[in-house]
N, C-alpha and C. Protein backbone atom coordinates (compact mmCIF):
# COMPACT_ATOMS: atom_id res chain seq x y z
N MET A 1 0.63 -1.31 -0.08
CA MET A 1 0.21 0.16 -0.31
C MET A 1 0.73 1.30 0.02
N THR A 2 0.35 2.06 -0.48
CA THR A 2 1.08 3.42 -0.73
C THR A 2 0.91 4.61 0.23
N GLU A 3 1.82 5.41 -0.45
CA GLU A 3 1.32 6.74 1.34
C GLU A 3 -0.06 7.20 0.69
N ARG A 4 0.04 7.38 -0.64
CA ARG A 4 -1.30 8.20 -1.05
C ARG A 4 -2.09 7.60 -0.86
N ASP A 5 -2.27 5.74 -0.81
CA ASP A 5 -3.89 4.92 -0.40
C ASP A 5 -3.82 5.18 1.42
N GLN A 6 -2.98 5.12 2.18
CA GLN A 6 -3.11 5.41 3.68
C GLN A 6 -3.27 6.72 3.67
N GLU A 7 -3.37 7.96 2.97
CA GLU A 7 -3.92 8.98 3.43
C GLU A 7 -5.35 9.40 2.39
N ARG A 8 -5.73 8.56 2.14
CA ARG A 8 -6.93 8.46 1.35
C ARG A 8 -7.95 8.11 2.20
N GLY A 9 -7.69 7.04 3.28
CA GLY A 9 -8.02 5.89 3.87
C GLY A 9 -9.14 5.22 3.39
N ASP A 10 -9.00 3.79 2.82
CA ASP A 10 -9.95 3.45 2.07
C ASP A 10 -10.63 2.18 3.62
N GLY A 11 -10.75 2.76 4.88
CA GLY A 11 -11.75 2.09 5.29
C GLY A 11 -10.72 0.68 6.13
N ARG A 12 -9.59 0.72 5.76
CA ARG A 12 -9.18 -0.69 6.60
C ARG A 12 -7.98 -0.41 7.35
N ASP A 13 -8.07 -0.59 8.69
CA ASP A 13 -6.57 -0.36 9.57
C ASP A 13 -5.93 -0.79 9.42
N PRO A 14 -4.69 -0.20 9.86
CA PRO A 14 -3.16 -1.14 9.04
C PRO A 14 -2.71 -1.85 9.84
N ILE A 15 -2.21 -3.06 9.10
CA ILE A 15 -1.62 -4.69 10.09
C ILE A 15 -0.61 -4.52 10.63
N ASP A 16 -0.26 -4.74 11.76
CA ASP A 16 0.61 -4.60 12.62
C ASP A 16 1.56 -6.12 12.19
N GLU A 17 2.40 -5.82 11.49
CA GLU A 17 2.93 -7.11 10.60
C GLU A 17 3.74 -7.94 11.48
N GLU A 18 4.69 -7.62 12.29
CA GLU A 18 5.21 -8.36 13.35
C GLU A 18 4.37 -8.74 14.63
N ALA A 19 3.33 -8.31 15.19
CA ALA A 19 2.54 -9.00 15.71
C ALA A 19 1.40 -10.33 15.25
N ALA A 20 1.18 -10.26 13.57
CA ALA A 20 0.99 -11.55 13.19
C ALA A 20 2.06 -12.35 12.77
N TRP A 21 3.19 -11.65 12.74
CA TRP A 21 4.27 -12.94 12.23
C TRP A 21 4.37 -13.67 13.96
N ALA A 22 4.42 -12.95 14.75
CA ALA A 22 4.75 -13.61 16.50
C ALA A 22 3.36 -14.58 16.61
N ALA A 23 1.96 -14.06 15.91
CA ALA A 23 1.40 -14.87 16.51
C ALA A 23 1.29 -16.38 15.83
N ILE A 24 1.62 -16.21 14.19
CA ILE A 24 1.99 -17.61 13.51
C ILE A 24 2.85 -18.24 14.44
N VAL A 25 3.77 -17.82 14.39
CA VAL A 25 5.31 -18.53 15.19
C VAL A 25 4.67 -18.77 16.35
N ALA A 26 3.82 -18.51 17.05
CA ALA A 26 3.58 -18.69 18.67
C ALA A 26 2.23 -19.86 18.30
N GLY A 27 1.77 -20.34 17.45
CA GLY A 27 1.14 -21.11 17.23
C GLY A 27 1.48 -22.38 16.61
N TYR A 28 2.55 -22.43 15.85
CA TYR A 28 2.91 -23.35 15.17
C TYR A 28 2.85 -24.67 15.98
N GLY A 29 2.47 -25.62 15.27
CA GLY A 29 2.57 -27.32 15.55
C GLY A 29 0.96 -27.17 16.11
N GLU A 30 0.28 -26.52 16.17
CA GLU A 30 -1.16 -26.64 17.29
C GLU A 30 -2.31 -26.71 16.09
N GLU A 31 -3.01 -27.84 16.67
CA GLU A 31 -4.44 -27.93 15.69
C GLU A 31 -4.96 -26.66 15.51
N PRO A 32 -5.62 -26.25 14.33
CA PRO A 32 -6.21 -24.83 14.05
C PRO A 32 -7.80 -25.51 14.40
N ALA A 33 -8.66 -24.13 15.05
CA ALA A 33 -9.85 -24.43 15.91
C ALA A 33 -10.39 -24.45 14.18
N ASP A 34 -11.60 -25.15 14.14
CA ASP A 34 -12.45 -25.77 13.43
C ASP A 34 -13.31 -24.32 13.04
N PRO A 35 -13.71 -23.82 11.56
CA PRO A 35 -14.21 -22.61 11.49
C PRO A 35 -16.00 -23.36 11.82
N PRO A 36 -16.32 -22.26 12.40
CA PRO A 36 -17.78 -22.14 12.67
C PRO A 36 -18.92 -22.88 11.49
N GLY A 37 -19.77 -23.89 12.09
CA GLY A 37 -20.91 -24.16 10.87
C GLY A 37 -20.36 -25.56 10.01
N LEU A 38 -18.66 -25.74 10.08
CA LEU A 38 -18.51 -26.53 9.36
C LEU A 38 -19.04 -28.33 10.01
N TRP A 39 -18.80 -28.43 11.01
CA TRP A 39 -19.09 -29.83 11.61
C TRP A 39 -20.58 -29.31 12.52
N PRO A 40 -21.18 -30.65 12.24
CA PRO A 40 -22.92 -30.79 12.90
C PRO A 40 -22.54 -30.57 14.37
N LYS A 41 -23.48 -30.20 15.41
CA LYS A 41 -23.09 -30.45 16.95
C LYS A 41 -23.04 -31.80 17.39
N ALA A 42 -24.03 -32.91 16.80
CA ALA A 42 -24.26 -33.85 17.40
C ALA A 42 -23.12 -34.67 16.84
N ALA A 43 -22.27 -34.57 16.00
CA ALA A 43 -21.12 -35.58 15.68
C ALA A 43 -19.83 -35.12 16.31
N GLU A 44 -19.72 -34.29 17.75
CA GLU A 44 -18.51 -33.82 18.03
C GLU A 44 -17.88 -34.75 19.13
N THR A 45 -18.56 -36.10 18.96
CA THR A 45 -17.94 -37.47 19.68
C THR A 45 -16.74 -37.40 19.18
N ASP A 46 -15.65 -38.47 20.00
CA ASP A 46 -14.24 -38.46 19.73
C ASP A 46 -14.17 -39.63 19.32
N LEU A 47 -14.19 -39.75 18.02
CA LEU A 47 -14.11 -40.89 16.99
C LEU A 47 -12.82 -41.63 16.73
N THR A 48 -11.12 -40.84 17.41
CA THR A 48 -10.29 -40.73 16.74
C THR A 48 -9.83 -42.68 16.88
N ASP A 49 -10.37 -43.17 17.70
CA ASP A 49 -9.84 -44.24 17.59
C ASP A 49 -10.78 -45.59 16.94
N THR A 50 -12.04 -45.15 16.33
CA THR A 50 -12.87 -45.95 15.49
C THR A 50 -11.97 -45.95 14.25
N VAL A 51 -11.73 -44.74 14.21
CA VAL A 51 -11.27 -43.85 12.40
C VAL A 51 -9.52 -45.01 11.82
N ASP A 52 -9.43 -44.78 12.59
CA ASP A 52 -8.03 -45.55 12.35
C ASP A 52 -8.12 -47.42 12.40
N ARG A 53 -8.57 -47.65 12.83
CA ARG A 53 -8.68 -49.24 13.14
C ARG A 53 -9.60 -49.86 12.30
N VAL A 54 -9.41 -50.79 11.70
CA VAL A 54 -10.15 -52.06 10.93
C VAL A 54 -11.62 -52.51 11.87
N LEU A 55 -12.40 -52.61 11.40
CA LEU A 55 -12.89 -53.84 12.43
C LEU A 55 -13.29 -54.71 12.11
N PRO A 56 -13.42 -55.34 12.99
CA PRO A 56 -13.43 -57.24 12.87
C PRO A 56 -14.85 -57.28 12.36
N SER A 57 -15.08 -58.53 11.22
CA SER A 57 -16.04 -58.83 10.46
C SER A 57 -17.01 -58.52 11.19
N GLY A 58 -17.32 -59.13 12.33
CA GLY A 58 -19.13 -59.41 13.08
C GLY A 58 -18.78 -57.89 13.86
N GLU A 59 -18.01 -56.98 14.11
CA GLU A 59 -18.60 -56.00 15.12
C GLU A 59 -18.77 -54.49 14.37
N SER A 60 -20.25 -54.11 14.16
CA SER A 60 -20.20 -52.94 13.72
C SER A 60 -19.52 -51.72 14.42
N PRO A 61 -20.08 -50.70 13.80
CA PRO A 61 -19.21 -49.57 14.19
C PRO A 61 -19.83 -48.65 15.25
N PRO A 62 -19.38 -47.74 16.36
CA PRO A 62 -20.21 -47.46 17.62
C PRO A 62 -21.24 -46.54 16.95
N SER A 63 -21.98 -46.45 18.06
CA SER A 63 -23.43 -45.52 17.56
C SER A 63 -22.33 -44.08 17.24
N GLY A 64 -23.13 -43.15 16.06
CA GLY A 64 -22.51 -41.91 15.87
C GLY A 64 -21.24 -41.90 14.65
N ALA A 65 -21.44 -43.09 14.41
CA ALA A 65 -19.87 -43.45 13.90
C ALA A 65 -20.54 -43.76 12.25
N ALA A 66 -20.03 -43.35 11.24
CA ALA A 66 -20.80 -44.19 9.99
C ALA A 66 -19.99 -44.81 9.39
N ALA A 67 -20.07 -46.11 8.89
CA ALA A 67 -19.50 -47.21 8.33
C ALA A 67 -18.57 -46.54 7.25
N GLY A 68 -17.69 -46.63 6.97
CA GLY A 68 -16.99 -46.07 6.18
C GLY A 68 -15.69 -46.96 5.34
N PRO A 69 -15.23 -47.02 4.25
CA PRO A 69 -14.02 -47.79 3.55
C PRO A 69 -13.36 -48.37 4.47
N ARG A 70 -13.06 -48.12 5.63
CA ARG A 70 -11.99 -48.60 6.75
C ARG A 70 -12.40 -49.60 7.22
N ASP A 71 -14.04 -49.58 7.08
CA ASP A 71 -14.60 -51.17 8.21
C ASP A 71 -14.91 -51.38 7.27
N TRP A 72 -14.59 -52.33 6.37
CA TRP A 72 -14.51 -53.44 5.44
C TRP A 72 -13.05 -54.24 5.30
N GLU A 73 -13.50 -55.53 5.20
CA GLU A 73 -12.43 -56.64 5.40
C GLU A 73 -12.81 -57.13 3.95
N ALA A 74 -11.77 -57.75 3.53
CA ALA A 74 -11.78 -58.63 2.28
C ALA A 74 -11.84 -60.18 2.35
N PRO A 75 -12.78 -60.26 1.52
CA PRO A 75 -12.64 -62.36 2.18
C PRO A 75 -11.83 -63.14 2.52
N GLU A 76 -11.12 -63.56 2.77
CA GLU A 76 -10.03 -64.39 2.76
C GLU A 76 -9.76 -65.91 2.14
N ASP A 77 -10.37 -65.78 0.62
CA ASP A 77 -10.47 -66.51 -0.36
C ASP A 77 -9.15 -66.42 -1.31
N GLU A 78 -7.63 -67.58 -1.08
CA GLU A 78 -6.90 -67.79 -1.62
C GLU A 78 -7.13 -68.12 -3.28
N GLU A 79 -8.09 -68.78 -3.37
CA GLU A 79 -8.45 -69.46 -4.94
C GLU A 79 -8.43 -68.19 -6.15
N ASP A 80 -8.77 -67.07 -5.23
CA ASP A 80 -9.21 -66.12 -6.51
C ASP A 80 -8.42 -64.59 -5.97
N ASP A 81 -7.33 -65.09 -5.54
CA ASP A 81 -6.04 -64.34 -5.50
C ASP A 81 -5.64 -63.71 -6.68
N HIS A 82 -5.34 -64.25 -7.67
CA HIS A 82 -4.53 -64.09 -9.08
C HIS A 82 -4.94 -64.30 -10.31
N PHE A 83 -5.28 -63.62 -11.12
CA PHE A 83 -5.76 -63.75 -12.66
C PHE A 83 -4.92 -64.75 -13.36
N ILE A 84 -5.22 -65.42 -13.68
CA ILE A 84 -4.40 -66.90 -14.79
C ILE A 84 -5.36 -66.32 -16.18
N PRO A 85 -4.33 -66.03 -17.06
CA PRO A 85 -5.15 -65.34 -18.22
C PRO A 85 -4.98 -66.77 -19.33
N PRO A 86 -6.15 -66.80 -19.99
CA PRO A 86 -5.80 -68.57 -20.73
C PRO A 86 -4.99 -68.49 -21.51
N GLU A 87 -4.52 -69.73 -22.22
CA GLU A 87 -3.70 -69.53 -23.31
C GLU A 87 -3.81 -69.02 -24.44
N PRO A 88 -3.16 -68.17 -24.96
CA PRO A 88 -3.20 -67.72 -26.61
C PRO A 88 -3.22 -68.38 -27.37
N PRO A 89 -3.53 -68.23 -28.58
CA PRO A 89 -4.14 -68.77 -29.73
C PRO A 89 -2.72 -68.77 -30.30
N PRO A 90 -2.38 -69.60 -31.03
CA PRO A 90 -1.23 -69.62 -31.92
C PRO A 90 -0.86 -68.54 -32.79
N LEU A 91 0.52 -68.66 -33.09
CA LEU A 91 0.74 -67.34 -34.22
C LEU A 91 -0.06 -68.19 -35.44
N PRO A 92 -0.04 -67.58 -36.60
CA PRO A 92 -0.34 -68.16 -37.75
C PRO A 92 0.76 -68.03 -38.78
N ALA A 93 0.74 -69.40 -39.06
CA ALA A 93 1.86 -69.86 -39.95
C ALA A 93 2.57 -68.89 -40.99
N ALA A 94 3.76 -68.16 -41.42
CA ALA A 94 3.86 -67.06 -42.23
C ALA A 94 4.59 -67.76 -43.24
N ALA A 95 4.18 -66.82 -44.76
CA ALA A 95 3.92 -67.51 -45.85
C ALA A 95 5.67 -67.63 -46.30
N LEU A 96 6.00 -68.28 -47.31
CA LEU A 96 7.17 -68.60 -47.17
C LEU A 96 8.05 -67.13 -48.08
N SER A 97 7.41 -66.73 -48.90
CA SER A 97 8.02 -65.39 -49.25
C SER A 97 7.98 -64.13 -48.43
N THR A 98 7.24 -64.21 -47.32
CA THR A 98 7.52 -63.60 -46.01
C THR A 98 8.93 -63.71 -45.66
N LYS A 99 9.08 -64.99 -45.33
CA LYS A 99 10.05 -65.92 -44.83
C LYS A 99 11.49 -65.56 -45.55
N LEU A 100 11.33 -65.63 -46.91
CA LEU A 100 12.49 -65.28 -47.44
C LEU A 100 13.16 -63.64 -47.42
N ALA A 101 11.52 -62.88 -47.49
CA ALA A 101 12.24 -61.65 -46.96
C ALA A 101 12.99 -61.12 -46.18
N TRP A 102 12.23 -61.64 -45.16
CA TRP A 102 13.03 -61.24 -43.65
C TRP A 102 14.56 -61.88 -43.94
N ILE A 103 14.77 -62.83 -44.62
CA ILE A 103 16.19 -63.82 -44.46
C ILE A 103 16.59 -62.46 -45.39
N ALA A 104 16.45 -61.90 -46.73
CA ALA A 104 17.09 -60.78 -47.39
C ALA A 104 17.19 -59.48 -46.71
N VAL A 105 16.26 -59.04 -45.53
CA VAL A 105 16.37 -58.19 -45.02
C VAL A 105 17.35 -58.22 -43.98
N VAL A 106 17.48 -59.12 -43.49
CA VAL A 106 18.78 -59.42 -42.55
C VAL A 106 20.29 -60.04 -43.13
N GLY A 107 19.58 -60.94 -43.72
CA GLY A 107 21.32 -61.73 -44.53
C GLY A 107 21.96 -60.10 -45.35
N GLY A 108 21.33 -59.43 -46.12
CA GLY A 108 21.79 -58.48 -47.21
C GLY A 108 22.84 -57.83 -46.40
N PRO A 109 22.77 -57.41 -45.12
CA PRO A 109 23.71 -56.11 -44.47
C PRO A 109 24.85 -57.14 -43.52
N LEU A 110 24.10 -58.68 -43.22
CA LEU A 110 25.06 -59.16 -42.44
C LEU A 110 26.10 -59.75 -43.28
N LEU A 111 26.01 -60.37 -44.45
CA LEU A 111 26.82 -60.83 -45.71
C LEU A 111 27.80 -59.19 -45.57
N LEU A 112 27.18 -57.89 -46.14
CA LEU A 112 28.03 -56.99 -46.17
C LEU A 112 29.06 -56.85 -44.98
N ILE A 113 28.93 -57.15 -43.79
CA ILE A 113 29.16 -56.60 -41.96
C ILE A 113 30.57 -57.94 -42.09
N PHE A 114 30.26 -59.51 -42.32
CA PHE A 114 31.10 -60.43 -42.13
C PHE A 114 32.30 -60.01 -43.28
N SER A 115 32.15 -59.79 -44.83
CA SER A 115 32.89 -59.55 -45.92
C SER A 115 34.10 -58.24 -45.40
N VAL A 116 33.58 -57.47 -44.30
CA VAL A 116 34.19 -56.18 -43.90
C VAL A 116 34.94 -56.64 -42.97
N LEU A 117 34.42 -57.44 -41.67
CA LEU A 117 35.26 -57.88 -40.82
C LEU A 117 36.10 -59.16 -41.17
N LEU A 118 35.70 -59.95 -42.15
CA LEU A 118 37.12 -61.44 -42.48
C LEU A 118 37.70 -60.59 -43.38
N GLN A 119 37.83 -59.13 -43.87
CA GLN A 119 38.85 -58.39 -44.91
C GLN A 119 38.71 -59.46 -46.17
N GLN A 120 37.75 -59.54 -46.48
CA GLN A 120 37.63 -60.13 -47.90
C GLN A 120 37.36 -58.89 -48.95
N GLN A 121 37.83 -59.01 -50.17
CA GLN A 121 37.48 -58.32 -51.63
C GLN A 121 36.00 -57.40 -51.67
N MET A 122 35.52 -56.77 -51.50
CA MET A 122 34.20 -56.64 -52.09
C MET A 122 33.90 -56.45 -53.53
N THR A 123 33.65 -57.33 -53.98
CA THR A 123 33.52 -57.65 -55.10
C THR A 123 31.87 -57.40 -55.78
N TRP A 124 31.93 -57.09 -57.45
CA TRP A 124 30.81 -56.41 -57.35
C TRP A 124 29.51 -57.66 -56.66
N TRP A 125 29.70 -58.87 -56.50
CA TRP A 125 28.21 -59.66 -56.18
C TRP A 125 28.21 -59.78 -54.92
N ILE A 126 29.31 -59.72 -54.47
CA ILE A 126 28.79 -59.25 -52.74
C ILE A 126 28.15 -57.86 -52.72
N VAL A 127 28.22 -56.99 -53.14
CA VAL A 127 27.45 -55.70 -52.83
C VAL A 127 26.31 -55.75 -53.32
N THR A 128 26.50 -56.57 -54.67
CA THR A 128 24.64 -56.21 -55.41
C THR A 128 24.02 -57.52 -54.22
N LEU A 129 24.32 -58.61 -54.04
CA LEU A 129 23.74 -59.07 -52.82
C LEU A 129 23.52 -58.42 -51.79
N GLY A 130 24.22 -58.16 -50.96
CA GLY A 130 24.08 -57.44 -49.98
C GLY A 130 22.91 -56.37 -49.90
N VAL A 131 23.52 -55.37 -51.11
CA VAL A 131 22.47 -53.94 -50.84
C VAL A 131 20.66 -54.39 -51.86
N GLY A 132 20.86 -55.32 -52.49
CA GLY A 132 20.12 -55.84 -53.35
C GLY A 132 19.22 -56.90 -52.55
N GLY A 133 19.84 -57.55 -51.64
CA GLY A 133 18.74 -58.05 -50.78
C GLY A 133 18.43 -57.60 -50.10
N PHE A 134 18.84 -56.63 -49.37
CA PHE A 134 17.90 -55.79 -48.05
C PHE A 134 17.16 -55.20 -49.06
N LEU A 135 17.13 -54.49 -50.04
CA LEU A 135 16.49 -53.85 -50.63
C LEU A 135 15.03 -54.29 -50.96
N GLY A 136 15.40 -55.43 -51.91
CA GLY A 136 14.32 -56.72 -52.21
C GLY A 136 13.23 -56.69 -51.18
N GLY A 137 13.96 -57.43 -50.06
CA GLY A 137 13.21 -58.12 -48.99
C GLY A 137 12.42 -56.87 -48.29
N PHE A 138 12.86 -55.31 -47.98
CA PHE A 138 12.25 -54.53 -47.49
C PHE A 138 10.99 -54.41 -48.70
N ALA A 139 11.24 -54.16 -49.80
CA ALA A 139 9.85 -53.81 -50.33
C ALA A 139 9.19 -54.58 -50.53
N ALA A 140 9.44 -56.07 -50.52
CA ALA A 140 8.67 -57.45 -50.67
C ALA A 140 7.86 -56.88 -49.29
N LEU A 141 8.50 -56.84 -48.17
CA LEU A 141 7.89 -56.58 -46.80
C LEU A 141 6.77 -55.83 -46.28
N VAL A 142 7.26 -54.35 -47.49
CA VAL A 142 6.40 -53.63 -47.43
C VAL A 142 5.28 -53.24 -48.24
N THR A 143 5.03 -54.19 -49.38
CA THR A 143 4.00 -54.34 -50.30
C THR A 143 3.14 -55.94 -49.56
N ARG A 144 3.64 -56.55 -48.84
CA ARG A 144 2.71 -57.36 -48.07
C ARG A 144 2.07 -56.72 -47.03
N LEU A 145 2.29 -55.98 -46.88
CA LEU A 145 1.44 -54.98 -45.38
C LEU A 145 -0.11 -55.02 -45.86
N ARG A 146 -1.09 -55.12 -44.79
CA ARG A 146 -2.39 -54.52 -44.85
C ARG A 146 -2.42 -53.43 -45.01
N ASP A 147 -3.63 -53.10 -45.82
CA ASP A 147 -3.97 -51.98 -45.61
C ASP A 147 -4.72 -50.91 -44.60
N GLY A 148 -5.40 -52.50 -43.65
CA GLY A 148 -5.95 -51.86 -42.83
C GLY A 148 -7.64 -51.57 -43.27
N HIS A 149 -8.24 -51.80 -44.55
CA HIS A 149 -9.52 -51.90 -44.92
C HIS A 149 -9.87 -53.26 -45.00
N ASP A 150 -9.32 -54.26 -44.84
CA ASP A 150 -10.04 -55.28 -44.90
C ASP A 150 -11.54 -55.62 -44.39
N ASP A 151 -12.55 -56.04 -44.99
CA ASP A 151 -13.68 -56.18 -44.06
C ASP A 151 -13.96 -57.44 -43.92
N ASP A 152 -13.05 -58.34 -43.94
CA ASP A 152 -13.26 -59.79 -43.71
C ASP A 152 -13.20 -59.98 -42.55
N TRP A 153 -12.14 -58.63 -42.14
CA TRP A 153 -11.00 -59.16 -40.97
C TRP A 153 -12.05 -58.57 -39.77
N THR A 154 -12.25 -59.93 -39.18
CA THR A 154 -13.65 -60.11 -37.90
C THR A 154 -12.89 -60.61 -36.75
N ASP A 155 -11.69 -60.43 -36.53
CA ASP A 155 -11.04 -60.28 -35.33
C ASP A 155 -11.71 -59.74 -33.74
N PRO A 156 -12.39 -60.26 -33.25
CA PRO A 156 -13.00 -59.96 -31.95
C PRO A 156 -12.25 -59.50 -31.05
N GLY A 157 -10.77 -59.87 -30.56
CA GLY A 157 -10.06 -59.13 -30.16
C GLY A 157 -9.44 -57.52 -31.09
N ASN A 158 -9.89 -57.05 -31.45
CA ASN A 158 -9.53 -56.18 -32.15
C ASN A 158 -10.04 -54.69 -31.57
N GLY A 159 -10.84 -54.67 -30.23
CA GLY A 159 -10.98 -53.62 -29.44
C GLY A 159 -11.80 -52.95 -30.25
N ALA A 160 -12.70 -51.53 -30.04
CA ALA A 160 -13.85 -50.87 -30.73
C ALA A 160 -13.92 -50.37 -32.08
N VAL A 161 -14.74 -50.86 -32.73
CA VAL A 161 -14.70 -50.45 -33.78
C VAL A 161 -15.67 -49.47 -34.47
N VAL A 162 -15.20 -48.17 -34.59
CA VAL A 162 -16.01 -47.38 -34.80
C VAL A 162 -16.22 -46.94 -36.09
C-alpha cells in the first residue's frame, strides 16, 4: 500500500505485521480451530480410535460413527487371489515369401558386415547381394502389409471399431 492510499483512508486499519508473525510463530504445531458451522454439533464425539482401526468382520461401528471404507475387510479366499490368463492362440504360419523377405532384409547387411570383418575383397556380386537383398526384401515386406481396410477381418480382439 502506498502512502497516498493510507492518506486517502480506504476503511482498513493498518496491519501490525510483527504482531501477526509473532502469532503465527507462537501457534506453530498446534491444531487450528474448526471454523464455525463446519461440523454438526451432534457428531462432536471423539471418534479418533474408531477411524484408524479396521473393525473385525462381526463388529459394527459404534453409534454416532458412519461406516466407511476402512470398516470393510476382504474375504480370505486364496483361490481367487490372482488372475491366470487363458492360453493365447497359436501364431499364424508365415508364408514362404515372407520368410524369404526377412532372410534377405537381415542377411544382406550381415553379408556386407562379415565381408568387411573377414577382410574379404568387396566384389560386385557381394555388394549386389548385400544391397539388393536388403532393398528387395524390404520392398517385399512393405508390399505385403495390410492396408487396414479389410472388411473380412473380423477378429473379436480388435477392440472398439467405430
